[in-house]
Amino acid sequence: MATMSSPVPPGETAASAVGELLDDRRAGPAALRGGALRSGSYALSIGLGLLSAPLLIRHLGLATFGRYSAVLAIVTIVGGITDAGLFNIGLREWAAKRGEQRTQTMRDLLGLRLELSAAGVIVGTAFVAVAGYGHTLVLGTLLAGCGMVTQSTANFLTVGLQGDMRFGWTSALDLIRQTVTVAAIVVLVVAGVGLLWFLAVPIVTGVVVAAVTAVLVRGRMPRIPTLRGRRRWAMLRDTIPYAAAIALNTLYFRVTIVIMSLASSARQTGYFATSFRVTEILVGIPALAVGAAFPILARAAGADSDRFAHATRRILELALIVGAVFVLSVVLIAPFAIEVLAGHAGAPAAPVLQIQGLTLIATFLSLASGFALLSLRRHVALLVANCGALTANIVLTLVLIPVAQARGAAAAAAIAEGCLAAGQLALLGRASGIRLSGAAIRPVALASAAGALPLLAPIHPVLRTVAGLSLFTCVLALQRAFPPELMQLIGARRSLR
């Protein structure tokens, strides 16, 4: 992991070295490597989580595990809402500002993050108490909430790492977080303890990750927050539209399954939930892969409009290609994935997953265009696009569920995500003149059509996926549309061997 310990030349500060990296041609390949590295650590984290899940479910039992999951879901929702987009705002400000101005801004945002998280824990705990969950779950919510505050604080401190494009360390922190969580769960299962102890695991994880993060960002990121001052609240008021957009995005992503549970049968809801679980895991990858380039956009947006336009177009084109690869992979392997997850009884969920998998290309594009709009400080545009996507999702879900049940719900989610991507791309074009050209779309569409041909062959889904991705790559290369950045990344890895 060479990115963990990139040396600073004598007589040069870390900040100035990073400033040069963000401002020259090394930034693009560094972001691409960082996106790949973070996506890989995310996949490993998921694998680690799968190791502890069966132990935990068997130890607690299905009923108690359901209560455990409900508490964690409430805490996760609270954490997502109270984040208010402050991490991305902090990353943008880190790239755009320098010196004391940057330091003060980071202290203000860190203070806001702590205050909002603490308020969220109080509200979440009060909700559990009023809802009558019982004394154990109320206390458990408070404990899990305290762990969330600690972890969210540590996560915000990583702005100083990701802003410096030190993706090796951010990836390592992701793995440390999951490793500590899994180890703690295994120890508690062996010890034979009750539910409350497991809800306290986030505290242990948060303390460990926060301690390691604090050491890593020493001298780069301020660790003492500003807990008062009008300047912080003025900053929050400026970003309220973006915070609302993030909240709506979190909501609309899950609203389909809520409506499905109310308007359809338990079996159909189960088919959709199984598909949703797969796509829910996969959508974490675009955020990491595309987000790695965000500091470049944030720096260029205020300093070099030509470089911003060039970088944004390349990111959109890469998002289109990688998104097509993800869609093709899910569509081709869906029957096998569902069989592994749910057995033969879950077979009807395979076409649901194939439909819902179409959302992934839109997710890549919506994230790429969203980061560009955020770099331009177009907070209201992001809010408008997310309002439109939420409205489309609700309306389409209500219309399509009676007609096609789980498949209708999947189609509604896919169309809504497409509306979000199309809306943000249109708003980005209006704000900056940057558009995804037909010359970029045509070769990807042709390669995707070629990659889908194995669907017609009666072969195992795994072989079908390999054949489809091979065809996609060959057709893309024959059209000379294979991204040079990916070739540079492959060449860089070979040179390290």
Protein backbone atom coordinates (compact mmCIF):
# COMPACT_ATOMS: atom_id res chain seq x y z
CA MET A 1 0.00 0.00 0.00
CA ALA A 2 2.24 2.74 -1.25
CA THR A 3 -0.55 5.26 -0.86
CA MET A 4 -0.35 4.93 2.90
CA SER A 5 3.08 6.43 3.26
CA SER A 6 3.64 8.79 0.37
CA PRO A 7 6.72 10.80 1.37
CA VAL A 8 6.79 14.59 1.39
CA PRO A 9 9.87 16.13 -0.19
CA PRO A 10 12.25 18.00 2.16
CA GLY A 11 11.19 21.55 2.87
CA GLU A 12 7.65 20.94 1.65
CA THR A 13 4.60 20.71 3.89
CA ALA A 14 2.07 17.91 3.59
CA ALA A 15 -0.60 20.38 2.54
CA SER A 16 1.45 21.83 -0.28
CA ALA A 17 2.41 18.37 -1.51
CA VAL A 18 -1.24 17.39 -1.64
CA GLY A 19 -2.11 20.67 -3.28
CA GLU A 20 0.29 19.80 -6.11
CA LEU A 21 -1.21 16.30 -6.41
CA LEU A 22 -4.76 17.64 -6.72
CA ASP A 23 -3.63 20.18 -9.29
CA ASP A 24 -1.70 17.96 -11.71
CA ARG A 25 -2.08 14.85 -13.85
CA ARG A 26 -1.22 12.47 -11.03
CA ALA A 27 -4.59 13.16 -9.40
CA GLY A 28 -6.67 11.19 -11.93
CA PRO A 29 -4.76 7.89 -11.69
CA ALA A 30 -4.53 8.33 -7.90
CA ALA A 31 -8.32 8.72 -7.68
CA LEU A 32 -8.84 5.68 -9.92
CA ARG A 33 -6.53 3.55 -7.78
CA GLY A 34 -8.19 4.89 -4.65
CA GLY A 35 -11.67 4.04 -5.93
CA ALA A 36 -10.58 0.51 -6.76
CA LEU A 37 -8.87 0.12 -3.39
CA ARG A 38 -11.86 1.35 -1.40
CA SER A 39 -14.25 -0.82 -3.41
CA GLY A 40 -12.05 -3.82 -2.69
CA SER A 41 -11.96 -3.09 1.05
CA TYR A 42 -15.75 -2.69 0.98
CA ALA A 43 -16.11 -6.13 -0.60
CA LEU A 44 -13.79 -7.64 2.02
CA SER A 45 -15.79 -5.96 4.78
CA ILE A 46 -18.98 -7.52 3.47
CA GLY A 47 -17.27 -10.90 3.42
CA LEU A 48 -16.20 -10.47 7.05
CA GLY A 49 -19.73 -9.51 8.01
CA LEU A 50 -21.06 -12.70 6.46
CA LEU A 51 -18.81 -14.70 8.78
CA SER A 52 -20.45 -13.39 11.95
CA ALA A 53 -24.07 -13.13 10.77
CA PRO A 54 -24.96 -16.87 11.06
CA LEU A 55 -23.39 -17.06 14.53
CA LEU A 56 -25.30 -14.03 15.73
CA ILE A 57 -28.65 -15.17 14.30
CA ARG A 58 -28.34 -18.65 15.81
CA HIS A 59 -27.23 -17.28 19.17
CA LEU A 60 -29.96 -14.68 19.55
CA GLY A 61 -32.74 -16.55 17.76
CA LEU A 62 -34.88 -15.07 14.99
CA ALA A 63 -37.19 -13.07 17.25
CA THR A 64 -34.41 -11.43 19.29
CA PHE A 65 -32.33 -10.91 16.15
CA GLY A 66 -35.29 -9.06 14.67
CA ARG A 67 -35.33 -6.69 17.66
CA TYR A 68 -31.56 -6.26 17.40
CA SER A 69 -31.88 -5.43 13.70
CA ALA A 70 -34.71 -2.97 14.39
CA VAL A 71 -32.60 -1.02 16.88
CA LEU A 72 -29.61 -0.89 14.52
CA ALA A 73 -31.91 0.21 11.69
CA ILE A 74 -33.21 3.10 13.79
CA VAL A 75 -29.68 4.14 14.77
CA THR A 76 -28.52 3.87 11.15
CA ILE A 77 -31.40 6.04 9.94
CA VAL A 78 -30.64 8.61 12.63
CA GLY A 79 -26.97 8.58 11.65
CA GLY A 80 -27.77 9.03 7.99
CA ILE A 81 -30.13 11.94 8.57
CA THR A 82 -27.92 13.76 11.09
CA ASP A 83 -24.92 13.43 8.80
CA ALA A 84 -26.66 16.18 6.79
CA GLY A 85 -24.13 15.70 4.02
CA LEU A 86 -21.43 17.19 6.26
CA PHE A 87 -18.78 14.67 5.22
CA ASN A 88 -19.05 15.59 1.55
CA ILE A 89 -19.29 19.27 2.43
CA GLY A 90 -16.14 18.88 4.51
CA LEU A 91 -14.35 17.10 1.68
CA ARG A 92 -15.29 19.86 -0.74
CA GLU A 93 -14.12 22.59 1.63
CA TRP A 94 -10.89 20.70 2.35
CA ALA A 95 -10.04 20.66 -1.36
CA ALA A 96 -11.15 24.26 -1.97
CA LYS A 97 -9.54 25.97 1.04
CA ARG A 98 -6.07 26.09 2.58
CA GLY A 99 -4.26 27.15 5.71
CA GLU A 100 -6.08 28.58 8.71
CA GLN A 101 -9.32 29.03 6.76
CA ARG A 102 -9.42 25.30 6.08
CA THR A 103 -8.57 24.46 9.71
CA GLN A 104 -11.34 26.64 11.11
CA THR A 105 -13.89 25.26 8.66
CA MET A 106 -13.02 21.69 9.65
CA ARG A 107 -13.39 22.55 13.35
CA ASP A 108 -16.79 24.13 12.69
CA LEU A 109 -18.02 21.14 10.69
CA LEU A 110 -16.69 18.66 13.26
CA GLY A 111 -18.56 20.53 15.99
CA LEU A 112 -21.76 20.45 13.94
CA ARG A 113 -21.32 16.74 13.32
CA LEU A 114 -21.00 16.02 17.04
CA GLU A 115 -23.98 18.17 18.01
CA LEU A 116 -26.29 16.79 15.32
CA SER A 117 -25.28 13.19 16.10
CA ALA A 118 -25.88 13.66 19.81
CA ALA A 119 -29.28 15.23 19.15
CA GLY A 120 -30.14 12.36 16.84
CA VAL A 121 -29.31 9.77 19.50
CA ILE A 122 -31.61 11.54 21.97
CA VAL A 123 -34.45 11.61 19.44
CA GLY A 124 -33.91 7.98 18.41
CA THR A 125 -33.83 6.76 22.01
CA ALA A 126 -36.96 8.76 22.82
CA PHE A 127 -38.74 7.22 19.83
CA VAL A 128 -37.90 3.70 21.00
CA ALA A 129 -39.13 4.54 24.50
CA VAL A 130 -42.41 6.09 23.29
CA ALA A 131 -42.99 3.23 20.85
CA GLY A 132 -42.92 0.81 23.80
CA TYR A 133 -39.96 -1.31 22.78
CA GLY A 134 -39.10 -2.04 26.39
CA HIS A 135 -36.37 -1.07 28.84
CA THR A 136 -33.67 -3.31 27.32
CA LEU A 137 -34.09 -1.95 23.80
CA VAL A 138 -34.27 1.65 25.02
CA LEU A 139 -30.94 1.23 26.80
CA GLY A 140 -29.58 -0.69 23.81
CA THR A 141 -30.56 2.15 21.46
CA LEU A 142 -28.72 4.60 23.69
CA LEU A 143 -25.61 2.40 23.70
CA ALA A 144 -25.67 1.79 19.94
CA GLY A 145 -26.30 5.51 19.43
CA CYS A 146 -23.23 6.44 21.48
CA GLY A 147 -21.22 4.08 19.30
CA MET A 148 -22.67 5.76 16.22
CA VAL A 149 -21.58 9.19 17.50
CA THR A 150 -18.04 7.94 18.06
CA GLN A 151 -17.85 6.24 14.66
CA SER A 152 -19.36 9.20 12.81
CA THR A 153 -16.81 11.51 14.43
CA ALA A 154 -13.98 9.20 13.38
CA ASN A 155 -15.46 9.03 9.88
CA PHE A 156 -15.50 12.82 9.59
CA LEU A 157 -11.84 12.96 10.62
CA THR A 158 -11.03 10.85 7.55
CA VAL A 159 -11.80 13.94 5.46
CA GLY A 160 -8.15 14.77 6.12
CA LEU A 161 -7.11 11.42 4.62
CA GLN A 162 -9.45 11.25 1.65
CA GLY A 163 -8.90 14.94 0.90
CA ASP A 164 -5.17 14.17 0.78
CA MET A 165 -5.97 11.16 -1.43
CA ARG A 166 -4.47 8.75 1.12
CA PHE A 167 -6.85 5.98 0.13
CA GLY A 168 -4.68 3.19 1.52
CA TRP A 169 -5.32 4.34 5.05
CA THR A 170 -9.03 5.01 4.52
CA SER A 171 -9.39 1.48 3.12
CA ALA A 172 -7.47 0.07 6.08
CA LEU A 173 -9.79 1.90 8.49
CA ASP A 174 -12.82 0.34 6.79
CA LEU A 175 -11.33 -3.10 7.34
CA ILE A 176 -10.36 -2.32 10.94
CA ARG A 177 -13.92 -1.21 11.66
CA GLN A 178 -15.44 -4.41 10.33
CA THR A 179 -12.78 -6.67 11.83
CA VAL A 180 -13.29 -5.24 15.32
CA THR A 181 -17.06 -5.56 14.97
CA VAL A 182 -16.90 -9.18 13.83
CA ALA A 183 -14.34 -10.12 16.51
CA ALA A 184 -16.45 -8.54 19.24
CA ILE A 185 -19.57 -10.38 18.08
CA VAL A 186 -17.75 -13.72 17.97
CA VAL A 187 -16.34 -13.18 21.49
CA LEU A 188 -19.78 -12.30 22.84
CA VAL A 189 -21.37 -15.32 21.17
CA VAL A 190 -18.76 -17.59 22.76
CA ALA A 191 -19.35 -15.89 26.12
CA GLY A 192 -23.08 -16.58 25.79
CA VAL A 193 -24.23 -13.06 26.74
CA GLY A 194 -27.56 -11.40 26.02
CA LEU A 195 -28.87 -8.83 23.54
CA LEU A 196 -27.73 -5.69 25.36
CA TRP A 197 -24.06 -6.62 25.05
CA PHE A 198 -24.32 -6.92 21.28
CA LEU A 199 -25.92 -3.48 21.02
CA ALA A 200 -22.88 -2.09 22.84
CA VAL A 201 -20.48 -3.43 20.18
CA PRO A 202 -20.61 -0.14 18.17
CA ILE A 203 -19.03 1.62 21.16
CA VAL A 204 -16.04 -0.72 21.14
CA THR A 205 -15.68 -0.37 17.38
CA GLY A 206 -16.03 3.40 17.53
CA VAL A 207 -13.40 3.84 20.22
CA VAL A 208 -10.84 1.68 18.38
CA VAL A 209 -11.43 3.31 15.00
CA ALA A 210 -11.48 6.83 16.46
CA ALA A 211 -8.17 6.24 18.26
CA VAL A 212 -6.45 4.94 15.12
CA THR A 213 -7.92 7.73 12.98
CA ALA A 214 -6.83 10.42 15.42
CA VAL A 215 -3.24 9.18 15.15
CA LEU A 216 -3.35 9.05 11.36
CA VAL A 217 -4.68 12.60 10.90
CA ARG A 218 -2.41 14.21 13.50
CA GLY A 219 -0.92 17.36 12.01
CA ARG A 220 -3.30 17.27 9.05
CA MET A 221 -6.84 17.42 10.39
CA PRO A 222 -7.92 19.39 13.50
CA ARG A 223 -9.22 17.08 16.21
CA ILE A 224 -10.69 19.75 18.49
CA PRO A 225 -14.18 20.84 17.38
CA THR A 226 -15.75 24.27 17.61
CA LEU A 227 -18.87 23.83 19.72
CA ARG A 228 -20.27 27.32 19.49
CA GLY A 229 -20.32 30.30 17.17
CA ARG A 230 -22.64 31.82 14.60
CA ARG A 231 -20.32 30.98 11.74
CA ARG A 232 -21.12 27.25 12.00
CA TRP A 233 -24.85 27.73 11.84
CA ALA A 234 -24.53 30.11 8.91
CA MET A 235 -22.63 27.32 7.16
CA LEU A 236 -25.36 24.83 8.03
CA ARG A 237 -28.09 27.11 6.69
CA ASP A 238 -26.19 27.35 3.41
CA THR A 239 -26.10 23.56 3.10
CA ILE A 240 -29.66 22.77 4.27
CA PRO A 241 -30.86 22.08 0.69
CA TYR A 242 -28.06 19.55 0.24
CA ALA A 243 -28.80 17.98 3.64
CA ALA A 244 -32.45 17.66 2.61
CA ALA A 245 -31.41 16.09 -0.70
CA ILE A 246 -29.32 13.49 1.15
CA ALA A 247 -32.25 12.70 3.48
CA LEU A 248 -34.63 12.30 0.52
CA ASN A 249 -32.12 10.07 -1.27
CA THR A 250 -31.88 7.83 1.79
CA LEU A 251 -35.68 7.73 2.02
CA TYR A 252 -36.52 7.09 -1.62
CA PHE A 253 -34.05 4.24 -1.81
CA ARG A 254 -36.08 2.38 0.84
CA VAL A 255 -39.61 3.65 0.29
CA THR A 256 -40.39 0.98 -2.31
CA ILE A 257 -39.97 -1.89 0.13
CA VAL A 258 -42.15 -0.10 2.70
CA ILE A 259 -44.96 0.37 0.16
CA MET A 260 -44.45 -3.20 -1.03
CA SER A 261 -44.96 -4.52 2.52
CA LEU A 262 -48.24 -2.61 2.78
CA ALA A 263 -49.69 -3.15 -0.70
CA SER A 264 -48.67 -6.71 -1.57
CA SER A 265 -48.44 -10.21 -0.14
CA ALA A 266 -45.72 -11.36 2.23
CA ARG A 267 -44.36 -13.72 -0.42
CA GLN A 268 -44.06 -11.01 -3.08
CA THR A 269 -42.50 -8.69 -0.52
CA GLY A 270 -40.00 -11.43 0.27
CA TYR A 271 -39.03 -11.73 -3.40
CA PHE A 272 -38.45 -8.00 -3.62
CA ALA A 273 -36.62 -7.89 -0.26
CA THR A 274 -34.22 -10.62 -1.42
CA SER A 275 -33.45 -8.69 -4.59
CA PHE A 276 -33.21 -5.45 -2.66
CA ARG A 277 -30.64 -6.93 -0.29
CA VAL A 278 -28.30 -7.67 -3.21
CA THR A 279 -28.64 -4.24 -4.81
CA GLU A 280 -28.41 -2.51 -1.42
CA ILE A 281 -24.94 -4.02 -0.98
CA LEU A 282 -23.85 -3.22 -4.52
CA VAL A 283 -24.85 0.47 -4.45
CA GLY A 284 -22.17 1.07 -1.84
CA ILE A 285 -19.49 0.50 -4.48
CA PRO A 286 -20.39 3.42 -6.80
CA ALA A 287 -20.25 5.86 -3.88
CA LEU A 288 -16.70 4.74 -3.03
CA ALA A 289 -15.47 4.41 -6.61
CA VAL A 290 -16.82 7.76 -7.84
CA GLY A 291 -16.30 9.57 -4.53
CA ALA A 292 -12.54 9.05 -4.77
CA ALA A 293 -12.44 11.68 -7.53
CA PHE A 294 -14.52 14.23 -5.62
CA PRO A 295 -11.53 16.20 -4.21
CA ILE A 296 -10.29 16.75 -7.78
CA LEU A 297 -13.64 18.16 -8.86
CA ALA A 298 -13.94 20.32 -5.74
CA ARG A 299 -10.47 21.82 -6.30
CA ALA A 300 -10.97 22.40 -10.04
CA ALA A 301 -14.48 23.86 -9.70
CA GLY A 302 -13.16 27.00 -8.04
CA ALA A 303 -9.75 27.27 -9.69
CA ASP A 304 -9.83 25.88 -13.25
CA SER A 305 -13.15 25.61 -15.10
CA ASP A 306 -11.59 23.90 -18.14
CA ARG A 307 -10.00 21.20 -15.98
CA PHE A 308 -13.28 20.78 -14.09
CA ALA A 309 -15.18 20.27 -17.34
CA HIS A 310 -12.62 17.77 -18.67
CA ALA A 311 -12.49 15.80 -15.39
CA THR A 312 -16.28 15.72 -15.08
CA ARG A 313 -16.75 14.40 -18.61
CA ARG A 314 -14.17 11.67 -18.06
CA ILE A 315 -15.76 10.69 -14.74
CA LEU A 316 -19.21 10.52 -16.38
CA GLU A 317 -17.85 8.37 -19.21
CA LEU A 318 -16.10 6.02 -16.80
CA ALA A 319 -19.25 5.86 -14.64
CA LEU A 320 -21.26 4.88 -17.73
CA ILE A 321 -18.87 2.06 -18.64
CA VAL A 322 -18.40 0.66 -15.14
CA GLY A 323 -22.12 0.99 -14.45
CA ALA A 324 -22.85 -1.03 -17.60
CA VAL A 325 -20.45 -3.73 -16.38
CA PHE A 326 -22.30 -3.94 -13.04
CA VAL A 327 -25.70 -4.10 -14.72
CA LEU A 328 -24.54 -6.81 -17.11
CA SER A 329 -23.03 -8.83 -14.27
CA VAL A 330 -26.20 -8.71 -12.17
CA VAL A 331 -28.53 -9.53 -15.07
CA LEU A 332 -26.42 -12.52 -16.14
CA ILE A 333 -25.72 -14.04 -12.73
CA ALA A 334 -29.03 -13.23 -10.99
CA PRO A 335 -30.46 -16.80 -11.05
CA PHE A 336 -27.32 -18.22 -9.44
CA ALA A 337 -27.10 -15.40 -6.86
CA ILE A 338 -30.72 -15.91 -5.79
CA GLU A 339 -30.27 -19.68 -5.55
CA VAL A 340 -27.29 -19.17 -3.24
CA LEU A 341 -29.18 -16.69 -1.07
CA ALA A 342 -32.65 -18.22 -0.91
CA GLY A 343 -32.52 -21.67 -2.50
CA HIS A 344 -35.00 -23.00 -5.08
CA ALA A 345 -37.92 -21.40 -3.24
CA GLY A 346 -36.51 -17.96 -4.06
CA ALA A 347 -36.27 -18.56 -7.83
CA PRO A 348 -39.05 -16.03 -8.65
CA ALA A 349 -36.80 -13.33 -7.16
CA ALA A 350 -34.26 -13.77 -9.99
CA PRO A 351 -36.15 -11.74 -12.62
CA VAL A 352 -36.87 -9.15 -9.91
CA LEU A 353 -33.14 -8.82 -9.32
CA GLN A 354 -32.48 -8.59 -13.07
CA ILE A 355 -34.89 -5.67 -13.33
CA GLN A 356 -33.62 -3.97 -10.20
CA GLY A 357 -30.03 -4.46 -11.34
CA LEU A 358 -30.69 -1.90 -14.09
CA THR A 359 -30.59 0.77 -11.37
CA LEU A 360 -26.83 0.39 -11.02
CA ILE A 361 -25.85 2.23 -14.19
CA ALA A 362 -28.14 5.09 -13.16
CA THR A 363 -26.61 5.04 -9.68
CA PHE A 364 -23.10 5.47 -11.09
CA LEU A 365 -24.25 8.37 -13.27
CA SER A 366 -26.30 10.04 -10.54
CA LEU A 367 -23.35 9.94 -8.15
CA ALA A 368 -20.93 11.27 -10.78
CA SER A 369 -23.25 14.15 -11.72
CA GLY A 370 -24.17 14.70 -8.06
CA PHE A 371 -20.56 15.19 -7.00
CA ALA A 372 -20.08 17.63 -9.89
CA LEU A 373 -23.15 19.65 -8.82
CA LEU A 374 -21.95 19.64 -5.22
CA SER A 375 -18.55 20.92 -6.34
CA LEU A 376 -20.36 23.79 -8.08
CA ARG A 377 -22.40 24.39 -4.87
CA ARG A 378 -25.66 23.65 -6.69
CA HIS A 379 -27.41 22.43 -3.55
CA VAL A 380 -30.91 23.41 -4.66
CA ALA A 381 -30.46 21.55 -7.95
CA LEU A 382 -29.63 18.38 -6.02
CA LEU A 383 -32.69 18.85 -3.83
CA VAL A 384 -34.96 19.33 -6.86
CA ALA A 385 -33.60 16.19 -8.56
CA ASN A 386 -34.07 14.06 -5.44
CA CYS A 387 -37.61 15.40 -4.88
CA GLY A 388 -38.44 14.40 -8.43
CA ALA A 389 -36.97 10.92 -7.97
CA LEU A 390 -38.87 10.35 -4.70
CA THR A 391 -42.14 11.48 -6.28
CA ALA A 392 -41.59 9.25 -9.32
CA ASN A 393 -40.75 6.29 -7.12
CA ILE A 394 -43.86 6.61 -4.95
CA VAL A 395 -46.23 7.11 -7.90
CA LEU A 396 -44.74 4.33 -10.02
CA THR A 397 -44.63 1.90 -7.09
CA LEU A 398 -48.31 2.47 -6.32
CA VAL A 399 -49.21 2.03 -10.02
CA LEU A 400 -47.00 -0.96 -10.88
CA ILE A 401 -47.32 -3.17 -7.78
CA PRO A 402 -50.99 -4.09 -8.49
CA VAL A 403 -50.02 -4.88 -12.09
CA ALA A 404 -46.75 -6.81 -11.70
CA GLN A 405 -46.18 -7.24 -7.94
CA ALA A 406 -42.46 -7.58 -7.06
CA ARG A 407 -41.37 -7.09 -10.67
CA GLY A 408 -43.44 -3.91 -10.80
CA ALA A 409 -41.78 -2.62 -7.65
CA ALA A 410 -38.35 -3.36 -9.13
CA ALA A 411 -39.29 -1.55 -12.33
CA ALA A 412 -40.48 1.44 -10.30
CA ALA A 413 -37.17 1.60 -8.44
CA ALA A 414 -35.18 1.33 -11.68
CA ILE A 415 -37.18 4.04 -13.43
CA ALA A 416 -36.96 6.35 -10.41
CA GLU A 417 -33.17 5.97 -10.27
CA GLY A 418 -33.07 6.68 -13.98
CA CYS A 419 -35.11 9.84 -13.40
CA LEU A 420 -32.63 10.95 -10.75
CA ALA A 421 -29.65 10.42 -13.06
CA ALA A 422 -31.36 12.09 -16.02
CA GLY A 423 -32.49 15.03 -13.89
CA GLN A 424 -29.06 15.65 -12.42
CA LEU A 425 -27.36 15.32 -15.80
CA ALA A 426 -29.79 17.87 -17.24
CA LEU A 427 -29.22 20.26 -14.32
CA LEU A 428 -25.45 19.81 -14.65
CA GLY A 429 -25.65 20.62 -18.36
CA ARG A 430 -27.68 23.71 -17.63
CA ALA A 431 -25.28 24.87 -14.91
CA SER A 432 -21.99 24.18 -16.68
CA GLY A 433 -22.63 23.07 -20.25
CA ILE A 434 -21.18 19.62 -19.44
CA ARG A 435 -23.10 16.76 -21.06
CA LEU A 436 -22.66 13.07 -21.68
CA SER A 437 -22.20 12.87 -25.45
CA GLY A 438 -23.75 10.39 -27.84
CA ALA A 439 -20.23 9.43 -28.91
CA ALA A 440 -19.65 8.12 -25.37
CA ILE A 441 -23.03 6.38 -25.10
CA ARG A 442 -23.12 4.52 -28.43
CA PRO A 443 -20.12 2.18 -27.94
CA VAL A 444 -21.28 1.28 -24.42
CA ALA A 445 -24.79 0.52 -25.69
CA LEU A 446 -23.39 -1.71 -28.46
CA ALA A 447 -21.02 -3.52 -26.09
CA SER A 448 -23.86 -4.05 -23.59
CA ALA A 449 -26.07 -5.54 -26.31
CA ALA A 450 -23.26 -7.94 -27.24
CA GLY A 451 -22.67 -8.80 -23.59
CA ALA A 452 -26.34 -9.69 -23.13
CA LEU A 453 -26.30 -12.30 -25.93
CA PRO A 454 -25.33 -15.20 -23.57
CA LEU A 455 -28.79 -14.82 -21.99
CA LEU A 456 -30.01 -16.74 -25.03
CA ALA A 457 -27.67 -19.69 -24.34
CA PRO A 458 -28.76 -22.54 -22.00
CA ILE A 459 -25.58 -22.51 -19.91
CA HIS A 460 -24.81 -22.08 -16.21
CA PRO A 461 -25.21 -18.45 -15.02
CA VAL A 462 -21.57 -18.26 -13.94
CA LEU A 463 -20.32 -19.28 -17.41
CA ARG A 464 -22.91 -16.97 -18.92
CA THR A 465 -21.53 -14.07 -16.87
CA VAL A 466 -17.94 -14.77 -17.89
CA ALA A 467 -18.95 -14.98 -21.55
CA GLY A 468 -21.04 -11.82 -21.38
CA LEU A 469 -18.35 -9.72 -19.72
CA SER A 470 -15.76 -11.03 -22.21
CA LEU A 471 -17.96 -10.02 -25.13
CA PHE A 472 -18.58 -6.61 -23.57
CA THR A 473 -14.85 -5.97 -23.15
CA CYS A 474 -13.96 -7.15 -26.66
CA VAL A 475 -16.64 -5.08 -28.39
CA LEU A 476 -15.69 -2.02 -26.36
CA ALA A 477 -12.02 -2.50 -27.24
CA LEU A 478 -12.79 -3.02 -30.96
CA GLN A 479 -14.52 0.35 -30.96
CA ARG A 480 -11.44 1.93 -29.34
CA ALA A 481 -13.67 2.99 -26.45
CA PHE A 482 -11.81 1.17 -23.68
CA PRO A 483 -10.91 3.80 -21.05
CA PRO A 484 -7.18 4.66 -21.10
CA GLU A 485 -7.36 5.30 -17.34
CA LEU A 486 -8.10 1.63 -16.73
CA MET A 487 -5.17 0.61 -18.88
CA GLN A 488 -2.94 2.97 -16.88
CA LEU A 489 -4.23 1.43 -13.67
CA ILE A 490 -3.47 -2.09 -14.90
CA GLY A 491 -0.03 -0.98 -16.06
CA ALA A 492 0.70 0.66 -12.72
CA ARG A 493 -0.19 -2.51 -10.84
CA ARG A 494 2.04 -4.63 -13.09
CA SER A 495 4.95 -2.27 -12.53
CA LEU A 496 4.65 -2.79 -8.76
CA ARG A 497 5.12 -6.54 -9.05
